[in-house]
């Protein structure tokens, strides 16, 4: 029977410079001032209207929030409201 070396308890992997730079830069990916430009809101929708909103968002491949924001901004630009 052959005698094998005891496996290392922790692998000795050194981080790649590229990966390390990516990890260190992750906190800088979204500027801090961007967080102050958006505010969470709570809006109540009629269930049928919400279903239609979800269908419209899905057909365009965007989130509900993105669709509502786009649609509202378009309406306001057209002088509605």
Protein backbone atom coordinates (compact mmCIF):
# COMPACT_ATOMS: atom_id res chain seq x y z
CA UNK A 1 0.00 0.00 0.00
CA UNK A 2 1.31 3.45 -0.96
CA UNK A 3 1.56 6.25 1.54
CA UNK A 4 0.01 9.50 0.34
CA UNK A 5 0.76 12.99 1.56
CA UNK A 6 -1.73 14.55 3.92
CA UNK A 7 -3.86 17.03 1.93
CA UNK A 8 -3.51 20.69 2.82
CA UNK A 9 -6.27 21.90 5.13
CA UNK A 10 -6.54 25.18 3.22
CA UNK A 11 -5.62 25.44 -0.43
CA UNK A 12 -2.88 27.93 -1.13
CA UNK A 13 -4.53 30.04 -3.80
CA UNK A 14 -3.23 33.52 -4.35
CA UNK A 15 -5.78 36.00 -5.71
CA UNK A 16 -5.36 37.12 -9.28
CA UNK A 17 -4.64 40.85 -9.63
CA UNK A 18 -7.58 41.29 -12.01
CA UNK A 19 -10.00 39.63 -9.61
CA UNK A 20 -8.64 41.63 -6.70
CA UNK A 21 -9.08 44.91 -8.59
CA UNK A 22 -12.63 43.90 -9.50
CA UNK A 23 -13.51 43.14 -5.89
CA UNK A 24 -11.94 46.34 -4.61
CA UNK A 25 -13.75 48.41 -7.24
CA UNK A 26 -17.16 46.87 -6.60
CA UNK A 27 -18.06 49.46 -3.99
CA UNK A 28 -17.23 52.19 -6.50
CA UNK A 29 -19.39 50.69 -9.28
CA UNK A 30 -22.40 52.80 -8.32
CA UNK A 31 -21.62 56.37 -7.37
CA UNK A 32 -22.84 57.28 -3.90
CA UNK A 33 -24.75 60.30 -5.22
CA UNK A 34 -26.82 57.98 -7.46
CA UNK A 35 -28.49 56.58 -4.35
CA UNK A 36 -29.82 60.02 -3.44
CA UNK A 37 -31.43 60.49 -6.84
CA UNK A 38 -33.87 57.64 -6.33
CA UNK A 39 -36.44 57.35 -3.60
CA UNK A 40 -38.52 54.28 -2.80
CA UNK A 41 -42.26 54.88 -3.02
CA UNK A 42 -45.30 52.82 -2.27
CA UNK A 43 -48.14 53.00 -4.76
CA UNK A 44 -51.32 50.97 -4.63
CA UNK A 45 -52.68 49.70 -7.95
CA UNK A 46 -55.95 48.09 -8.85
CA UNK A 47 -55.12 44.40 -9.34
CA UNK A 48 -56.31 44.38 -12.96
CA UNK A 49 -54.24 47.46 -13.78
CA UNK A 50 -51.19 45.94 -12.08
CA UNK A 51 -51.63 42.77 -14.13
CA UNK A 52 -51.67 44.87 -17.31
CA UNK A 53 -48.59 46.80 -16.18
CA UNK A 54 -46.77 43.53 -15.50
CA UNK A 55 -47.74 42.20 -18.93
CA UNK A 56 -46.52 45.38 -20.64
CA UNK A 57 -43.22 45.30 -18.73
CA UNK A 58 -42.70 41.62 -19.49
CA UNK A 59 -43.42 42.07 -23.19
CA UNK A 60 -40.73 44.78 -23.31
CA UNK A 61 -38.31 42.75 -21.23
CA UNK A 62 -38.01 45.28 -18.40
CA UNK A 63 -38.93 45.34 -14.73
CA UNK A 64 -42.22 46.73 -13.50
CA UNK A 65 -40.39 49.64 -11.93
CA UNK A 66 -38.51 50.47 -15.14
CA UNK A 67 -41.71 50.35 -17.19
CA UNK A 68 -43.61 52.59 -14.76
CA UNK A 69 -40.74 55.10 -14.63
CA UNK A 70 -40.44 55.19 -18.42
CA UNK A 71 -44.17 55.52 -18.97
CA UNK A 72 -44.54 58.27 -16.39
CA UNK A 73 -41.58 60.23 -17.72
CA UNK A 74 -42.95 59.94 -21.27
CA UNK A 75 -46.38 61.17 -20.13
CA UNK A 76 -44.86 64.12 -18.29
CA UNK A 77 -42.70 65.05 -21.29
CA UNK A 78 -45.86 65.09 -23.42
CA UNK A 79 -47.39 67.67 -21.11
CA UNK A 80 -49.72 65.35 -19.22
CA UNK A 81 -50.12 66.06 -15.56
